[in-house]
C-alpha atoms as a PDB file:
ATOM      1  CA  UNK A   1       9.581  -2.429   0.055  1.00  0.00           C
ATOM      2  CA  UNK A   2      10.363   0.926  -1.553  1.00  0.00           C
ATOM      3  CA  UNK A   3      10.342   3.560   1.205  1.00  0.00           C
ATOM      4  CA  UNK A   4      10.443   7.349   0.856  1.00  0.00           C
ATOM      5  CA  UNK A   5      11.777   9.502   3.704  1.00  0.00           C
ATOM      6  CA  UNK A   6      10.052  12.871   4.030  1.00  0.00           C
ATOM      7  CA  UNK A   7      12.120  16.051   4.204  1.00  0.00           C
ATOM      8  CA  UNK A   8      11.922  16.134   7.995  1.00  0.00           C
ATOM      9  CA  UNK A   9      13.825  12.850   8.395  1.00  0.00           C
ATOM     10  CA  UNK A  10      17.621  12.492   8.166  1.00  0.00           C
ATOM     11  CA  UNK A  11      19.199  10.528   5.308  1.00  0.00           C
ATOM     12  CA  UNK A  12      21.028   8.437   7.941  1.00  0.00           C
ATOM     13  CA  UNK A  13      17.728   6.745   8.804  1.00  0.00           C
ATOM     14  CA  UNK A  14      17.904   4.890   5.480  1.00  0.00           C
ATOM     15  CA  UNK A  15      20.833   2.790   6.733  1.00  0.00           C
ATOM     16  CA  UNK A  16      18.712   1.640   9.700  1.00  0.00           C
ATOM     17  CA  UNK A  17      15.900   0.309   7.491  1.00  0.00           C
ATOM     18  CA  UNK A  18      17.541  -2.964   6.496  1.00  0.00           C
ATOM     19  CA  UNK A  19      15.789  -4.946   3.804  1.00  0.00           C
ATOM     20  CA  UNK A  20      14.124  -1.908   2.254  1.00  0.00           C
ATOM     21  CA  UNK A  21      15.010   0.234  -0.747  1.00  0.00           C
ATOM     22  CA  UNK A  22      15.053   3.738   0.743  1.00  0.00           C
ATOM     23  CA  UNK A  23      15.221   7.163  -0.884  1.00  0.00           C
ATOM     24  CA  UNK A  24      14.457  10.672   0.317  1.00  0.00           C
ATOM     25  CA  UNK A  25      12.283  13.507  -0.897  1.00  0.00           C
ATOM     26  CA  UNK A  26      15.462  15.511  -1.519  1.00  0.00           C
ATOM     27  CA  UNK A  27      17.117  12.729  -3.537  1.00  0.00           C
ATOM     28  CA  UNK A  28      14.003  12.478  -5.721  1.00  0.00           C
ATOM     29  CA  UNK A  29      14.089  16.233  -6.384  1.00  0.00           C
ATOM     30  CA  UNK A  30      10.772  16.777  -4.604  1.00  0.00           C
ATOM     31  CA  UNK A  31      11.966  19.056  -1.771  1.00  0.00           C
ATOM     32  CA  UNK A  32       9.412  21.741  -0.977  1.00  0.00           C
ATOM     33  CA  UNK A  33       6.525  19.800  -2.543  1.00  0.00           C
ATOM     34  CA  UNK A  34       3.240  20.236  -0.654  1.00  0.00           C
ATOM     35  CA  UNK A  35       1.860  17.137   1.108  1.00  0.00           C
ATOM     36  CA  UNK A  36      -0.959  16.377  -1.336  1.00  0.00           C
ATOM     37  CA  UNK A  37       1.264  16.625  -4.404  1.00  0.00           C
ATOM     38  CA  UNK A  38       4.027  14.695  -2.643  1.00  0.00           C
ATOM     39  CA  UNK A  39       1.698  11.801  -1.829  1.00  0.00           C
ATOM     40  CA  UNK A  40       0.531  11.579  -5.441  1.00  0.00           C
ATOM     41  CA  UNK A  41       4.130  11.540  -6.700  1.00  0.00           C
ATOM     42  CA  UNK A  42       5.199   9.044  -4.055  1.00  0.00           C
ATOM     43  CA  UNK A  43       2.400   6.570  -4.816  1.00  0.00           C
ATOM     44  CA  UNK A  44       3.754   6.134  -8.346  1.00  0.00           C
ATOM     45  CA  UNK A  45       7.256   5.132  -7.229  1.00  0.00           C
ATOM     46  CA  UNK A  46       7.116   3.997  -3.574  1.00  0.00           C
ATOM     47  CA  UNK A  47       5.262   1.601  -1.297  1.00  0.00           C
ATOM     48  CA  UNK A  48       5.587   3.670   1.883  1.00  0.00           C
ATOM     49  CA  UNK A  49       6.227   7.197   3.115  1.00  0.00           C
ATOM     50  CA  UNK A  50       7.857   7.876   6.488  1.00  0.00           C
ATOM     51  CA  UNK A  51       7.376  11.325   7.981  1.00  0.00           C
ATOM     52  CA  UNK A  52       7.424  13.237  11.249  1.00  0.00           C
ATOM     53  CA  UNK A  53       4.721  15.620   9.985  1.00  0.00           C
ATOM     54  CA  UNK A  54       1.978  15.135  12.572  1.00  0.00           C
ATOM     55  CA  UNK A  55      -0.443  17.203  10.512  1.00  0.00           C
ATOM     56  CA  UNK A  56      -0.243  14.748   7.628  1.00  0.00           C
ATOM     57  CA  UNK A  57      -2.598  12.377   9.439  1.00  0.00           C
ATOM     58  CA  UNK A  58      -5.282  15.059   9.543  1.00  0.00           C
ATOM     59  CA  UNK A  59      -4.681  16.658   6.128  1.00  0.00           C
ATOM     60  CA  UNK A  60      -4.665  13.676   3.816  1.00  0.00           C
ATOM     61  CA  UNK A  61      -6.748  10.540   3.284  1.00  0.00           C
ATOM     62  CA  UNK A  62      -4.329   7.726   2.395  1.00  0.00           C
ATOM     63  CA  UNK A  63      -6.946   5.043   1.756  1.00  0.00           C
ATOM     64  CA  UNK A  64      -7.270   5.755  -1.965  1.00  0.00           C
ATOM     65  CA  UNK A  65      -3.550   6.234  -2.548  1.00  0.00           C
ATOM     66  CA  UNK A  66      -2.357   2.669  -2.115  1.00  0.00           C
ATOM     67  CA  UNK A  67       0.577   4.070  -0.138  1.00  0.00           C
ATOM     68  CA  UNK A  68       1.534   3.100   3.392  1.00  0.00           C
ATOM     69  CA  UNK A  69       2.112   6.226   5.492  1.00  0.00           C
ATOM     70  CA  UNK A  70       3.950   5.958   8.778  1.00  0.00           C
ATOM     71  CA  UNK A  71       4.108   9.012  11.030  1.00  0.00           C
ATOM     72  CA  UNK A  72       7.027   8.835  13.455  1.00  0.00           C
ATOM     73  CA  UNK A  73       6.724  10.434  16.872  1.00  0.00           C
ATOM     74  CA  UNK A  74      10.083  10.962  18.505  1.00  0.00           C
ATOM     75  CA  UNK A  75      11.517  13.813  20.595  1.00  0.00           C
ATOM     76  CA  UNK A  76      13.430  15.114  17.559  1.00  0.00           C
ATOM     77  CA  UNK A  77      14.558  14.072  14.088  1.00  0.00           C
ATOM     78  CA  UNK A  78      18.109  13.424  15.307  1.00  0.00           C
ATOM     79  CA  UNK A  79      19.310   9.852  14.934  1.00  0.00           C
ATOM     80  CA  UNK A  80      19.862   9.544  18.678  1.00  0.00           C
ATOM     81  CA  UNK A  81      16.074   9.983  19.081  1.00  0.00           C
ATOM     82  CA  UNK A  82      15.084   7.920  16.022  1.00  0.00           C
ATOM     83  CA  UNK A  83      17.198   4.799  16.648  1.00  0.00           C
ATOM     84  CA  UNK A  84      15.012   3.604  19.568  1.00  0.00           C
ATOM     85  CA  UNK A  85      11.992   3.709  17.239  1.00  0.00           C
ATOM     86  CA  UNK A  86      13.575   1.792  14.328  1.00  0.00           C
ATOM     87  CA  UNK A  87      12.364  -1.647  15.483  1.00  0.00           C
ATOM     88  CA  UNK A  88       8.811  -0.305  15.736  1.00  0.00           C
ATOM     89  CA  UNK A  89       9.118   1.269  12.277  1.00  0.00           C
ATOM     90  CA  UNK A  90      10.264  -2.012  10.725  1.00  0.00           C
ATOM     91  CA  UNK A  91       7.552  -4.009  12.508  1.00  0.00           C
ATOM     92  CA  UNK A  92       4.770  -1.638  11.449  1.00  0.00           C
ATOM     93  CA  UNK A  93       5.983  -1.429   7.832  1.00  0.00           C
ATOM     94  CA  UNK A  94       5.914  -5.225   7.600  1.00  0.00           C
ATOM     95  CA  UNK A  95       2.351  -5.378   8.928  1.00  0.00           C
ATOM     96  CA  UNK A  96       0.796  -2.424   7.100  1.00  0.00           C
ATOM     97  CA  UNK A  97      -1.399  -2.732   4.035  1.00  0.00           C
ATOM     98  CA  UNK A  98      -1.432  -0.233   1.165  1.00  0.00           C
ATOM     99  CA  UNK A  99      -3.680   2.711   2.002  1.00  0.00           C
ATOM    100  CA  UNK A 100      -3.030   2.570   5.751  1.00  0.00           C
ATOM    101  CA  UNK A 101      -1.748   5.428   7.868  1.00  0.00           C
ATOM    102  CA  UNK A 102      -0.243   4.638  11.248  1.00  0.00           C
ATOM    103  CA  UNK A 103       1.599   6.498  13.953  1.00  0.00           C
ATOM    104  CA  UNK A 104       4.585   4.890  15.643  1.00  0.00           C
ATOM    105  CA  UNK A 105       6.402   6.236  18.659  1.00  0.00           C
ATOM    106  CA  UNK A 106       9.102   5.295  21.086  1.00  0.00           C
ATOM    107  CA  UNK A 107       9.059   1.757  22.546  1.00  0.00           C
ATOM    108  CA  UNK A 108       7.591   3.160  25.751  1.00  0.00           C
ATOM    109  CA  UNK A 109       4.526   4.374  23.816  1.00  0.00           C
ATOM    110  CA  UNK A 110       2.196   2.480  21.548  1.00  0.00           C
ATOM    111  CA  UNK A 111       1.325   2.635  17.850  1.00  0.00           C
ATOM    112  CA  UNK A 112      -1.973   4.025  16.587  1.00  0.00           C
ATOM    113  CA  UNK A 113      -3.663   2.215  13.693  1.00  0.00           C
ATOM    114  CA  UNK A 114      -5.730   4.225  11.216  1.00  0.00           C
ATOM    115  CA  UNK A 115      -7.182   3.707   7.791  1.00  0.00           C
END
């Protein structure tokens, strides 16, 4: 699966997403792009977008985009806080269908399904 990391996620997360082709908003030259425009660019080149932008779930309707959107809830965007969530990220990505938006959080929490 081709996965795009939003600006608010560290590049180091890519190494944790084994089995996926991962790029970042910065690497694509899309830094600073507003959410709506970013989603339309991403849908042309990627299968999924990972973000920590909690507002994204309320601002955008992913159902018509054909893009999987996974919102990550962790204490911070530091790898020490993201590593415990990686298994949940990989599990949700494998189960999601295009056009779905889900929220995944630490193993002590539970994932929300939307879309």
